Amino acid sequence: MKGVHVNWTKPYFERRRLRGHGFEVMKNSTSDTYELTDFQILYTMASIANGKKYNGPIKLHTDTVGANYYQSLGILGMYDEVDVKFLNGYSKGNVDAAYFWTSGKIKCLAHQKEPFVFLDQDMIIKQKLPSWSYKNDLTIAHWEIGRGYYYFDQEKWEQEISHVDWPENFDENDWSPNTSYLQFNNLDIIKEYHQWHKKLVTTKPHQNIPEWFWLFTDQGVLGHIIRENDFKVNTLTQQIALSHHNITDGKKRYKGKAEKWYKPLKTDDEKEIIHYHVWLDKLGYNQNKEEYNILIKSWFNDLVELGYSNYLYNERFKKYWDEYNKNN
């Protein structure tokens, strides 16, 4: 099954208005032109290389800015197919790229004509997809329990959202699907997902939108669609992620510290796919440069061992080559 990456660069140029801890590096960028860190470039390359190794070709949806940037690094050729026309057109629209920074992604997903796998560029799949992942309507990364700022109810919606009504039958206590990995075996899901998303992101000019609403346009509404239509869903992992958890290794569990992952009482432990989603650890690694650098070097070494050395000869990779050659 074909994989799809999406890199919509328009949010970068609205980065001063982006919200969320995962954007601190982007917000701090002083470059007027599009720029990524080594961390971002190498996890993208690792996602491509592992995806192609285990599960086949990967297509990139980006715009001219993104394609030219990848070309300048010498990595655009890692993709089996590149489409810039579609997102170039979408960028001319009125969707607020700072508030709805995943909107370009969802628009591209709706453009696909056959079953496919979407991966965030920081989602690394490390094995061949098992047969069970193809049997239901959709496979997602995992379920999430929303709380804290991202939790909302009908009262909060009606106080803060005026351009669209509270969704009929929506239950704010249900889990949300993490959308870093979406294996669409049934395209009926993406059709309805796109219809809902388009309605949700069509806001009034200069309308202030709370951050929690962005997450609903991406994850929450997909969960609602799944439940309303009784679509059958698989997950990469049986574990459930908790929003606003404490960063802990479990040693303080006796204090009732809220950890990141929880597992329901009845699970099928054989249904686990080896993967690594960088986003879940971005905050921790940004605060710990040693671990941050270990990850970068591991991805670089992995790319060399997977046969992608010819994509690593840009000058910015020289320091990683120097260390690799010293250690091998």
C-alpha atoms as a PDB file:
ATOM      1  CA  MET A   1       0.000   0.000   0.000  1.00  0.00           C
ATOM      2  CA  LYS A   2       1.350   3.419  -0.972  1.00  0.00           C
ATOM      3  CA  GLY A   3       2.525   5.746   1.791  1.00  0.00           C
ATOM      4  CA  VAL A   4       1.850   9.492   1.802  1.00  0.00           C
ATOM      5  CA  HIS A   5       3.818  12.306   3.438  1.00  0.00           C
ATOM      6  CA  VAL A   6       2.509  15.879   3.539  1.00  0.00           C
ATOM      7  CA  ASN A   7       4.650  18.984   4.055  1.00  0.00           C
ATOM      8  CA  TRP A   8       2.559  22.154   3.846  1.00  0.00           C
ATOM      9  CA  THR A   9       4.964  25.052   4.387  1.00  0.00           C
ATOM     10  CA  LYS A  10       2.401  27.851   4.739  1.00  0.00           C
ATOM     11  CA  PRO A  11       2.179  27.409   8.555  1.00  0.00           C
ATOM     12  CA  TYR A  12       5.929  28.127   8.764  1.00  0.00           C
ATOM     13  CA  PHE A  13       5.360  31.646   7.499  1.00  0.00           C
ATOM     14  CA  GLU A  14       2.617  32.092  10.124  1.00  0.00           C
ATOM     15  CA  ARG A  15       4.835  30.627  12.849  1.00  0.00           C
ATOM     16  CA  ARG A  16       4.560  33.610  15.217  1.00  0.00           C
ATOM     17  CA  ARG A  17       0.880  32.721  15.619  1.00  0.00           C
ATOM     18  CA  LEU A  18       1.305  28.934  15.900  1.00  0.00           C
ATOM     19  CA  ARG A  19       0.336  27.358  19.209  1.00  0.00           C
ATOM     20  CA  GLY A  20       1.592  24.238  20.955  1.00  0.00           C
ATOM     21  CA  HIS A  21       4.880  23.072  22.523  1.00  0.00           C
ATOM     22  CA  GLY A  22       5.917  21.167  19.397  1.00  0.00           C
ATOM     23  CA  PHE A  23       6.496  24.420  17.534  1.00  0.00           C
ATOM     24  CA  GLU A  24       9.029  26.088  19.807  1.00  0.00           C
ATOM     25  CA  VAL A  25      11.920  25.447  17.411  1.00  0.00           C
ATOM     26  CA  MET A  26       9.947  26.788  14.447  1.00  0.00           C
ATOM     27  CA  LYS A  27       8.785  29.861  16.375  1.00  0.00           C
ATOM     28  CA  ASN A  28      12.360  30.695  17.297  1.00  0.00           C
ATOM     29  CA  SER A  29      13.554  30.562  13.692  1.00  0.00           C
ATOM     30  CA  THR A  30      14.767  33.956  12.445  1.00  0.00           C
ATOM     31  CA  SER A  31      14.993  32.896   8.811  1.00  0.00           C
ATOM     32  CA  ASP A  32      12.695  34.684   6.372  1.00  0.00           C
ATOM     33  CA  THR A  33      13.001  31.679   4.082  1.00  0.00           C
ATOM     34  CA  TYR A  34      11.776  28.183   4.877  1.00  0.00           C
ATOM     35  CA  GLU A  35      14.216  26.349   7.145  1.00  0.00           C
ATOM     36  CA  LEU A  36      14.240  23.091   9.105  1.00  0.00           C
ATOM     37  CA  THR A  37      16.560  21.780  11.811  1.00  0.00           C
ATOM     38  CA  ASP A  38      18.783  18.718  11.362  1.00  0.00           C
ATOM     39  CA  PHE A  39      16.449  16.957  13.800  1.00  0.00           C
ATOM     40  CA  GLN A  40      13.437  17.528  11.522  1.00  0.00           C
ATOM     41  CA  ILE A  41      15.287  16.661   8.318  1.00  0.00           C
ATOM     42  CA  LEU A  42      16.723  13.419   9.619  1.00  0.00           C
ATOM     43  CA  TYR A  43      13.533  12.083  11.166  1.00  0.00           C
ATOM     44  CA  THR A  44      11.780  12.798   7.864  1.00  0.00           C
ATOM     45  CA  MET A  45      14.475  10.886   5.994  1.00  0.00           C
ATOM     46  CA  ALA A  46      14.251   8.021   8.511  1.00  0.00           C
ATOM     47  CA  SER A  47      10.483   7.878   8.008  1.00  0.00           C
ATOM     48  CA  ILE A  48      10.930   7.659   4.232  1.00  0.00           C
ATOM     49  CA  ALA A  49      13.721   5.071   4.327  1.00  0.00           C
ATOM     50  CA  ASN A  50      12.005   2.740   6.778  1.00  0.00           C
ATOM     51  CA  GLY A  51       8.664   3.144   5.068  1.00  0.00           C
ATOM     52  CA  LYS A  52      10.142   2.149   1.710  1.00  0.00           C
ATOM     53  CA  LYS A  53      12.116  -0.719   3.211  1.00  0.00           C
ATOM     54  CA  TYR A  54       9.162  -2.409   4.868  1.00  0.00           C
ATOM     55  CA  ASN A  55       6.047  -1.277   3.049  1.00  0.00           C
ATOM     56  CA  GLY A  56       6.657   0.199  -0.379  1.00  0.00           C
ATOM     57  CA  PRO A  57       6.696   3.558  -2.198  1.00  0.00           C
ATOM     58  CA  ILE A  58       6.034   6.926  -0.573  1.00  0.00           C
ATOM     59  CA  LYS A  59       4.493   9.956  -2.233  1.00  0.00           C
ATOM     60  CA  LEU A  60       5.131  13.520  -1.066  1.00  0.00           C
ATOM     61  CA  HIS A  61       2.503  16.231  -1.178  1.00  0.00           C
ATOM     62  CA  THR A  62       4.179  19.599  -0.696  1.00  0.00           C
ATOM     63  CA  ASP A  63       4.260  23.046  -2.255  1.00  0.00           C
ATOM     64  CA  THR A  64       6.926  24.728  -4.369  1.00  0.00           C
ATOM     65  CA  VAL A  65       8.689  26.117  -1.298  1.00  0.00           C
ATOM     66  CA  GLY A  66       8.919  22.678   0.311  1.00  0.00           C
ATOM     67  CA  ALA A  67      10.000  20.923  -2.888  1.00  0.00           C
ATOM     68  CA  ASN A  68      12.717  23.488  -3.589  1.00  0.00           C
ATOM     69  CA  TYR A  69      14.005  23.221  -0.027  1.00  0.00           C
ATOM     70  CA  TYR A  70      14.230  19.427  -0.176  1.00  0.00           C
ATOM     71  CA  GLN A  71      15.906  19.705  -3.557  1.00  0.00           C
ATOM     72  CA  SER A  72      18.512  22.082  -2.108  1.00  0.00           C
ATOM     73  CA  LEU A  73      19.328  19.433   0.503  1.00  0.00           C
ATOM     74  CA  GLY A  74      19.498  16.698  -2.124  1.00  0.00           C
ATOM     75  CA  ILE A  75      16.770  14.589  -0.530  1.00  0.00           C
ATOM     76  CA  LEU A  76      13.759  15.179  -2.776  1.00  0.00           C
ATOM     77  CA  GLY A  77      14.739  12.097  -4.819  1.00  0.00           C
ATOM     78  CA  MET A  78      14.076   9.833  -1.843  1.00  0.00           C
ATOM     79  CA  TYR A  79      10.380  10.097  -2.663  1.00  0.00           C
ATOM     80  CA  ASP A  80       8.853   7.928  -5.370  1.00  0.00           C
ATOM     81  CA  GLU A  81       6.415  10.657  -6.387  1.00  0.00           C
ATOM     82  CA  VAL A  82       6.106  14.375  -5.636  1.00  0.00           C
ATOM     83  CA  ASP A  83       3.032  16.582  -6.082  1.00  0.00           C
ATOM     84  CA  VAL A  84       3.327  20.366  -5.613  1.00  0.00           C
ATOM     85  CA  LYS A  85       0.396  21.578  -7.685  1.00  0.00           C
ATOM     86  CA  PHE A  86      -2.302  20.544  -5.238  1.00  0.00           C
ATOM     87  CA  LEU A  87      -0.946  22.326  -2.143  1.00  0.00           C
ATOM     88  CA  ASN A  88       0.129  25.343  -4.180  1.00  0.00           C
ATOM     89  CA  GLY A  89      -3.525  25.745  -5.040  1.00  0.00           C
ATOM     90  CA  TYR A  90      -4.740  25.148  -1.477  1.00  0.00           C
ATOM     91  CA  SER A  91      -2.356  27.777  -0.113  1.00  0.00           C
ATOM     92  CA  LYS A  92      -4.192  30.430  -2.126  1.00  0.00           C
ATOM     93  CA  GLY A  93      -7.347  29.793  -0.089  1.00  0.00           C
ATOM     94  CA  ASN A  94      -8.526  31.504   3.083  1.00  0.00           C
ATOM     95  CA  VAL A  95      -7.970  28.751   5.666  1.00  0.00           C
ATOM     96  CA  ASP A  96      -5.905  30.138   8.543  1.00  0.00           C
ATOM     97  CA  ALA A  97      -2.669  28.152   8.378  1.00  0.00           C
ATOM     98  CA  ALA A  98      -1.640  29.181  11.896  1.00  0.00           C
ATOM     99  CA  TYR A  99      -4.833  28.013  13.582  1.00  0.00           C
ATOM    100  CA  PHE A 100      -5.448  25.003  11.330  1.00  0.00           C
ATOM    101  CA  TRP A 101      -1.909  23.930  10.510  1.00  0.00           C
ATOM    102  CA  THR A 102      -2.902  20.346   9.616  1.00  0.00           C
ATOM    103  CA  SER A 103      -5.591  21.444   7.166  1.00  0.00           C
ATOM    104  CA  GLY A 104      -3.278  21.015   4.169  1.00  0.00           C
ATOM    105  CA  LYS A 105      -2.728  17.439   5.289  1.00  0.00           C
ATOM    106  CA  ILE A 106      -6.419  16.572   5.450  1.00  0.00           C
ATOM    107  CA  LYS A 107      -7.042  18.225   2.088  1.00  0.00           C
ATOM    108  CA  CYS A 108      -4.321  16.049   0.514  1.00  0.00           C
ATOM    109  CA  LEU A 109      -5.716  12.892   2.102  1.00  0.00           C
ATOM    110  CA  ALA A 110      -9.094  13.590   0.530  1.00  0.00           C
ATOM    111  CA  HIS A 111      -7.334  13.860  -2.844  1.00  0.00           C
ATOM    112  CA  GLN A 112      -6.236  10.191  -2.837  1.00  0.00           C
ATOM    113  CA  LYS A 113      -8.025   7.792  -5.187  1.00  0.00           C
ATOM    114  CA  GLU A 114      -7.146   4.404  -3.679  1.00  0.00           C
ATOM    115  CA  PRO A 115      -6.477   2.915  -0.225  1.00  0.00           C
ATOM    116  CA  PHE A 116      -3.273   4.356   1.250  1.00  0.00           C
ATOM    117  CA  VAL A 117      -1.238   4.968   4.395  1.00  0.00           C
ATOM    118  CA  PHE A 118      -0.663   8.492   5.676  1.00  0.00           C
ATOM    119  CA  LEU A 119       2.345   9.017   7.952  1.00  0.00           C
ATOM    120  CA  ASP A 120       3.389  12.197   9.695  1.00  0.00           C
ATOM    121  CA  GLN A 121       6.944  12.921   8.655  1.00  0.00           C
ATOM    122  CA  ASP A 122       8.055  12.081  12.197  1.00  0.00           C
ATOM    123  CA  MET A 123       6.298   8.696  12.232  1.00  0.00           C
ATOM    124  CA  ILE A 124       8.760   5.845  11.667  1.00  0.00           C
ATOM    125  CA  ILE A 125       7.318   2.376  10.980  1.00  0.00           C
ATOM    126  CA  LYS A 126       9.869  -0.358  11.625  1.00  0.00           C
ATOM    127  CA  GLN A 127       8.201  -3.486  10.253  1.00  0.00           C
ATOM    128  CA  LYS A 128       6.053  -4.836   7.450  1.00  0.00           C
ATOM    129  CA  LEU A 129       2.422  -4.033   8.095  1.00  0.00           C
ATOM    130  CA  PRO A 130       0.641  -7.207   9.295  1.00  0.00           C
ATOM    131  CA  SER A 131      -2.384  -8.559   7.469  1.00  0.00           C
ATOM    132  CA  TRP A 132      -4.756  -7.566  10.288  1.00  0.00           C
ATOM    133  CA  SER A 133      -4.006  -3.872   9.685  1.00  0.00           C
ATOM    134  CA  TYR A 134      -5.761  -4.157   6.306  1.00  0.00           C
ATOM    135  CA  LYS A 135      -8.896  -5.924   7.514  1.00  0.00           C
ATOM    136  CA  ASN A 136     -10.866  -3.120   9.166  1.00  0.00           C
ATOM    137  CA  ASP A 137     -11.915   0.244   7.728  1.00  0.00           C
ATOM    138  CA  LEU A 138      -9.055   2.204   9.268  1.00  0.00           C
ATOM    139  CA  THR A 139      -5.843   1.769  11.252  1.00  0.00           C
ATOM    140  CA  ILE A 140      -4.773   4.694  13.467  1.00  0.00           C
ATOM    141  CA  ALA A 141      -1.686   5.293  15.589  1.00  0.00           C
ATOM    142  CA  HIS A 142      -3.510   4.969  18.931  1.00  0.00           C
ATOM    143  CA  TRP A 143      -6.391   6.373  20.950  1.00  0.00           C
ATOM    144  CA  GLU A 144      -6.041   9.386  23.243  1.00  0.00           C
ATOM    145  CA  ILE A 145      -7.799  10.552  26.404  1.00  0.00           C
ATOM    146  CA  GLY A 146      -8.282  14.298  26.214  1.00  0.00           C
ATOM    147  CA  ARG A 147      -8.142  16.460  29.314  1.00  0.00           C
ATOM    148  CA  GLY A 148      -6.797  19.774  30.548  1.00  0.00           C
ATOM    149  CA  TYR A 149      -6.908  22.580  28.029  1.00  0.00           C
ATOM    150  CA  TYR A 150      -7.807  20.222  25.197  1.00  0.00           C
ATOM    151  CA  TYR A 151     -10.910  18.967  26.977  1.00  0.00           C
ATOM    152  CA  PHE A 152     -14.154  20.733  26.138  1.00  0.00           C
ATOM    153  CA  ASP A 153     -17.868  20.157  26.524  1.00  0.00           C
ATOM    154  CA  GLN A 154     -20.981  21.538  24.857  1.00  0.00           C
ATOM    155  CA  GLU A 155     -21.109  24.544  27.156  1.00  0.00           C
ATOM    156  CA  LYS A 156     -17.538  25.544  26.351  1.00  0.00           C
ATOM    157  CA  TRP A 157     -18.141  24.983  22.621  1.00  0.00           C
ATOM    158  CA  GLU A 158     -21.203  27.213  22.597  1.00  0.00           C
ATOM    159  CA  GLN A 159     -19.360  29.926  24.539  1.00  0.00           C
ATOM    160  CA  GLU A 160     -16.282  29.983  22.295  1.00  0.00           C
ATOM    161  CA  ILE A 161     -17.361  28.719  18.851  1.00  0.00           C
ATOM    162  CA  SER A 162     -19.897  30.638  16.781  1.00  0.00           C
ATOM    163  CA  HIS A 163     -19.380  29.556  13.160  1.00  0.00           C
ATOM    164  CA  VAL A 164     -20.518  25.937  13.521  1.00  0.00           C
ATOM    165  CA  ASP A 165     -22.998  24.179  15.804  1.00  0.00           C
ATOM    166  CA  TRP A 166     -22.202  21.494  18.375  1.00  0.00           C
ATOM    167  CA  PRO A 167     -22.112  18.155  16.489  1.00  0.00           C
ATOM    168  CA  GLU A 168     -25.208  16.098  17.079  1.00  0.00           C
ATOM    169  CA  ASN A 169     -24.519  12.984  19.209  1.00  0.00           C
ATOM    170  CA  PHE A 170     -20.933  14.035  19.964  1.00  0.00           C
ATOM    171  CA  ASP A 171     -19.691  12.735  23.323  1.00  0.00           C
ATOM    172  CA  GLU A 172     -16.720  14.672  24.693  1.00  0.00           C
ATOM    173  CA  ASN A 173     -15.846  11.793  27.030  1.00  0.00           C
ATOM    174  CA  ASP A 174     -14.953   9.410  24.192  1.00  0.00           C
ATOM    175  CA  TRP A 175     -11.392   8.828  23.073  1.00  0.00           C
ATOM    176  CA  SER A 176      -9.850  10.651  20.115  1.00  0.00           C
ATOM    177  CA  PRO A 177      -7.766   8.930  17.414  1.00  0.00           C
ATOM    178  CA  ASN A 178      -4.175  10.073  17.079  1.00  0.00           C
ATOM    179  CA  THR A 179      -3.768  10.932  13.392  1.00  0.00           C
ATOM    180  CA  SER A 180       0.010  10.645  13.007  1.00  0.00           C
ATOM    181  CA  TYR A 181      -0.680   7.341  11.226  1.00  0.00           C
ATOM    182  CA  LEU A 182      -3.827   6.731   9.186  1.00  0.00           C
ATOM    183  CA  GLN A 183      -4.239   3.614   7.072  1.00  0.00           C
ATOM    184  CA  PHE A 184      -7.344   4.188   4.994  1.00  0.00           C
ATOM    185  CA  ASN A 185      -8.607   0.794   3.868  1.00  0.00           C
ATOM    186  CA  ASN A 186     -12.087   2.266   3.291  1.00  0.00           C
ATOM    187  CA  LEU A 187     -12.106   5.608   1.468  1.00  0.00           C
ATOM    188  CA  ASP A 188     -15.633   6.393   2.631  1.00  0.00           C
ATOM    189  CA  ILE A 189     -14.050   7.562   5.886  1.00  0.00           C
ATOM    190  CA  ILE A 190     -11.816  10.161   4.260  1.00  0.00           C
ATOM    191  CA  LYS A 191     -14.710  11.524   2.208  1.00  0.00           C
ATOM    192  CA  GLU A 192     -16.755  12.279   5.305  1.00  0.00           C
ATOM    193  CA  TYR A 193     -13.650  13.421   7.231  1.00  0.00           C
ATOM    194  CA  HIS A 194     -12.933  15.996   4.543  1.00  0.00           C
ATOM    195  CA  GLN A 195     -16.521  17.246   4.445  1.00  0.00           C
ATOM    196  CA  TRP A 196     -16.545  17.780   8.200  1.00  0.00           C
ATOM    197  CA  HIS A 197     -13.092  19.367   8.268  1.00  0.00           C
ATOM    198  CA  LYS A 198     -13.945  21.829   5.517  1.00  0.00           C
ATOM    199  CA  LYS A 199     -17.000  23.009   7.462  1.00  0.00           C
ATOM    200  CA  LEU A 200     -15.052  23.326  10.719  1.00  0.00           C
ATOM    201  CA  VAL A 201     -12.146  25.391   9.328  1.00  0.00           C
ATOM    202  CA  THR A 202     -14.329  27.791   7.340  1.00  0.00           C
ATOM    203  CA  THR A 203     -14.211  30.563   9.920  1.00  0.00           C
ATOM    204  CA  LYS A 204     -15.143  34.211   9.823  1.00  0.00           C
ATOM    205  CA  PRO A 205     -12.377  36.746   8.967  1.00  0.00           C
ATOM    206  CA  HIS A 206     -10.193  37.576  12.000  1.00  0.00           C
ATOM    207  CA  GLN A 207     -12.232  35.212  14.163  1.00  0.00           C
ATOM    208  CA  ASN A 208     -10.402  34.158  17.311  1.00  0.00           C
ATOM    209  CA  ILE A 209     -10.344  30.360  17.538  1.00  0.00           C
ATOM    210  CA  PRO A 210      -9.260  28.587  20.772  1.00  0.00           C
ATOM    211  CA  GLU A 211      -6.445  26.069  20.451  1.00  0.00           C
ATOM    212  CA  TRP A 212      -8.580  23.133  21.595  1.00  0.00           C
ATOM    213  CA  PHE A 213     -10.796  23.583  18.533  1.00  0.00           C
ATOM    214  CA  TRP A 214      -7.865  22.870  16.178  1.00  0.00           C
ATOM    215  CA  LEU A 215      -7.467  19.444  17.748  1.00  0.00           C
ATOM    216  CA  PHE A 216     -11.140  18.722  17.186  1.00  0.00           C
ATOM    217  CA  THR A 217     -10.862  19.595  13.464  1.00  0.00           C
ATOM    218  CA  ASP A 218      -8.044  17.053  13.147  1.00  0.00           C
ATOM    219  CA  GLN A 219      -8.620  14.280  15.684  1.00  0.00           C
ATOM    220  CA  GLY A 220     -11.878  14.775  17.546  1.00  0.00           C
ATOM    221  CA  VAL A 221     -14.102  14.910  14.500  1.00  0.00           C
ATOM    222  CA  LEU A 222     -12.533  11.753  13.083  1.00  0.00           C
ATOM    223  CA  GLY A 223     -13.443   9.902  16.278  1.00  0.00           C
ATOM    224  CA  HIS A 224     -16.988  11.209  15.968  1.00  0.00           C
ATOM    225  CA  ILE A 225     -17.199  10.001  12.351  1.00  0.00           C
ATOM    226  CA  ILE A 226     -15.923   6.565  13.352  1.00  0.00           C
ATOM    227  CA  ARG A 227     -18.543   6.180  16.072  1.00  0.00           C
ATOM    228  CA  GLU A 228     -21.477   7.613  14.121  1.00  0.00           C
ATOM    229  CA  ASN A 229     -20.841   5.254  11.195  1.00  0.00           C
ATOM    230  CA  ASP A 230     -19.638   2.266  13.218  1.00  0.00           C
ATOM    231  CA  PHE A 231     -16.388   2.093  11.245  1.00  0.00           C
ATOM    232  CA  LYS A 232     -14.040  -0.649  12.485  1.00  0.00           C
ATOM    233  CA  VAL A 233     -10.635   0.570  13.642  1.00  0.00           C
ATOM    234  CA  ASN A 234      -7.222  -0.993  14.369  1.00  0.00           C
ATOM    235  CA  THR A 235      -4.372   0.703  16.247  1.00  0.00           C
ATOM    236  CA  LEU A 236      -0.590   0.477  15.977  1.00  0.00           C
ATOM    237  CA  THR A 237      -0.496  -0.035  19.740  1.00  0.00           C
ATOM    238  CA  GLN A 238      -3.028  -1.191  22.319  1.00  0.00           C
ATOM    239  CA  GLN A 239      -1.875   1.545  24.694  1.00  0.00           C
ATOM    240  CA  ILE A 240      -3.945   4.689  25.249  1.00  0.00           C
ATOM    241  CA  ALA A 241      -2.197   8.076  25.468  1.00  0.00           C
ATOM    242  CA  LEU A 242      -3.168  10.589  28.170  1.00  0.00           C
ATOM    243  CA  SER A 243      -3.151  14.317  27.429  1.00  0.00           C
ATOM    244  CA  HIS A 244      -1.333  16.535  29.942  1.00  0.00           C
ATOM    245  CA  HIS A 245       0.531  13.680  31.594  1.00  0.00           C
ATOM    246  CA  ASN A 246       3.527  13.942  33.892  1.00  0.00           C
ATOM    247  CA  ILE A 247       6.904  12.967  32.485  1.00  0.00           C
ATOM    248  CA  THR A 248       7.682  10.044  34.786  1.00  0.00           C
ATOM    249  CA  ASP A 249       9.191   6.580  34.558  1.00  0.00           C
ATOM    250  CA  GLY A 250       6.577   5.069  36.861  1.00  0.00           C
ATOM    251  CA  LYS A 251       8.625   5.197  40.053  1.00  0.00           C
ATOM    252  CA  LYS A 252       6.226   7.764  41.520  1.00  0.00           C
ATOM    253  CA  ARG A 253       3.118   5.841  40.571  1.00  0.00           C
ATOM    254  CA  TYR A 254       2.357   5.406  44.272  1.00  0.00           C
ATOM    255  CA  LYS A 255       1.751   9.173  44.401  1.00  0.00           C
ATOM    256  CA  GLY A 256      -0.834   8.966  41.669  1.00  0.00           C
ATOM    257  CA  LYS A 257       1.329  10.664  39.065  1.00  0.00           C
ATOM    258  CA  ALA A 258      -0.364  10.643  35.673  1.00  0.00           C
ATOM    259  CA  GLU A 259       1.798   8.817  33.147  1.00  0.00           C
ATOM    260  CA  LYS A 260       1.657   9.078  29.378  1.00  0.00           C
ATOM    261  CA  TRP A 261       0.496   5.558  28.488  1.00  0.00           C
ATOM    262  CA  TYR A 262      -2.266   3.359  29.836  1.00  0.00           C
ATOM    263  CA  LYS A 263      -3.511  -0.019  28.699  1.00  0.00           C
ATOM    264  CA  PRO A 264      -7.153  -1.179  28.914  1.00  0.00           C
ATOM    265  CA  LEU A 265      -7.809  -4.293  30.986  1.00  0.00           C
ATOM    266  CA  LYS A 266      -8.636  -6.449  27.967  1.00  0.00           C
ATOM    267  CA  THR A 267      -6.187  -6.104  25.069  1.00  0.00           C
ATOM    268  CA  ASP A 268      -4.742  -8.165  22.272  1.00  0.00           C
ATOM    269  CA  ASP A 269      -1.023  -7.833  22.930  1.00  0.00           C
ATOM    270  CA  GLU A 270      -0.161  -9.508  19.644  1.00  0.00           C
ATOM    271  CA  LYS A 271      -1.572  -6.505  17.790  1.00  0.00           C
ATOM    272  CA  GLU A 272       1.411  -4.231  18.251  1.00  0.00           C
ATOM    273  CA  ILE A 273       3.314  -2.695  15.316  1.00  0.00           C
ATOM    274  CA  ILE A 274       6.899  -1.538  15.886  1.00  0.00           C
ATOM    275  CA  HIS A 275       6.955   2.222  15.396  1.00  0.00           C
ATOM    276  CA  TYR A 276       8.352   5.450  16.780  1.00  0.00           C
ATOM    277  CA  HIS A 277       6.447   8.736  16.756  1.00  0.00           C
ATOM    278  CA  VAL A 278       8.882  11.554  17.441  1.00  0.00           C
ATOM    279  CA  TRP A 279       6.186  14.123  18.250  1.00  0.00           C
ATOM    280  CA  LEU A 280       5.342  12.453  21.547  1.00  0.00           C
ATOM    281  CA  ASP A 281       8.861  13.079  22.820  1.00  0.00           C
ATOM    282  CA  LYS A 282       9.645  16.455  21.244  1.00  0.00           C
ATOM    283  CA  LEU A 283       9.169  18.436  24.433  1.00  0.00           C
ATOM    284  CA  GLY A 284      11.362  16.148  26.509  1.00  0.00           C
ATOM    285  CA  TYR A 285      14.108  15.938  23.921  1.00  0.00           C
ATOM    286  CA  ASN A 286      14.112  19.687  23.353  1.00  0.00           C
ATOM    287  CA  GLN A 287      14.879  20.028  27.039  1.00  0.00           C
ATOM    288  CA  ASN A 288      17.573  17.351  26.981  1.00  0.00           C
ATOM    289  CA  LYS A 289      20.071  18.089  24.218  1.00  0.00           C
ATOM    290  CA  GLU A 290      22.072  14.927  24.895  1.00  0.00           C
ATOM    291  CA  GLU A 291      19.126  12.658  24.119  1.00  0.00           C
ATOM    292  CA  TYR A 292      18.197  14.935  21.232  1.00  0.00           C
ATOM    293  CA  ASN A 293      21.639  14.438  19.662  1.00  0.00           C
ATOM    294  CA  ILE A 294      21.573  10.684  20.273  1.00  0.00           C
ATOM    295  CA  LEU A 295      18.399  10.462  18.229  1.00  0.00           C
ATOM    296  CA  ILE A 296      19.839  12.528  15.371  1.00  0.00           C
ATOM    297  CA  LYS A 297      22.930  10.313  15.186  1.00  0.00           C
ATOM    298  CA  SER A 298      20.846   7.126  15.326  1.00  0.00           C
ATOM    299  CA  TRP A 299      18.753   8.253  12.362  1.00  0.00           C
ATOM    300  CA  PHE A 300      21.871   9.221  10.421  1.00  0.00           C
ATOM    301  CA  ASN A 301      23.494   5.837  11.075  1.00  0.00           C
ATOM    302  CA  ASP A 302      20.262   4.072  10.151  1.00  0.00           C
ATOM    303  CA  LEU A 303      20.108   5.914   6.826  1.00  0.00           C
ATOM    304  CA  VAL A 304      23.684   4.916   5.977  1.00  0.00           C
ATOM    305  CA  GLU A 305      23.001   1.281   6.839  1.00  0.00           C
ATOM    306  CA  LEU A 306      19.785   1.286   4.783  1.00  0.00           C
ATOM    307  CA  GLY A 307      21.730   2.400   1.706  1.00  0.00           C
ATOM    308  CA  TYR A 308      20.826   6.104   1.581  1.00  0.00           C
ATOM    309  CA  SER A 309      24.355   7.499   1.857  1.00  0.00           C
ATOM    310  CA  ASN A 310      23.990   9.311  -1.463  1.00  0.00           C
ATOM    311  CA  TYR A 311      21.317  11.549   0.108  1.00  0.00           C
ATOM    312  CA  LEU A 312      23.588  12.583   2.972  1.00  0.00           C
ATOM    313  CA  TYR A 313      26.266  14.576   1.192  1.00  0.00           C
ATOM    314  CA  ASN A 314      24.906  18.044   1.795  1.00  0.00           C
ATOM    315  CA  GLU A 315      27.385  20.164   3.776  1.00  0.00           C
ATOM    316  CA  ARG A 316      25.132  20.272   6.814  1.00  0.00           C
ATOM    317  CA  PHE A 317      25.560  16.513   7.288  1.00  0.00           C
ATOM    318  CA  LYS A 318      29.381  16.704   7.372  1.00  0.00           C
ATOM    319  CA  LYS A 319      29.685  16.627  11.177  1.00  0.00           C
ATOM    320  CA  TYR A 320      27.605  13.436  11.291  1.00  0.00           C
ATOM    321  CA  TRP A 321      29.779  11.840   8.631  1.00  0.00           C
ATOM    322  CA  ASP A 322      32.908  12.794  10.574  1.00  0.00           C
ATOM    323  CA  GLU A 323      31.616  11.066  13.701  1.00  0.00           C
ATOM    324  CA  TYR A 324      30.280   8.077  11.775  1.00  0.00           C
ATOM    325  CA  ASN A 325      33.636   7.530  10.036  1.00  0.00           C
ATOM    326  CA  LYS A 326      35.499   7.914  13.325  1.00  0.00           C
ATOM    327  CA  ASN A 327      33.371   5.237  14.972  1.00  0.00           C
ATOM    328  CA  ASN A 328      33.275   2.745  12.123  1.00  0.00           C
END
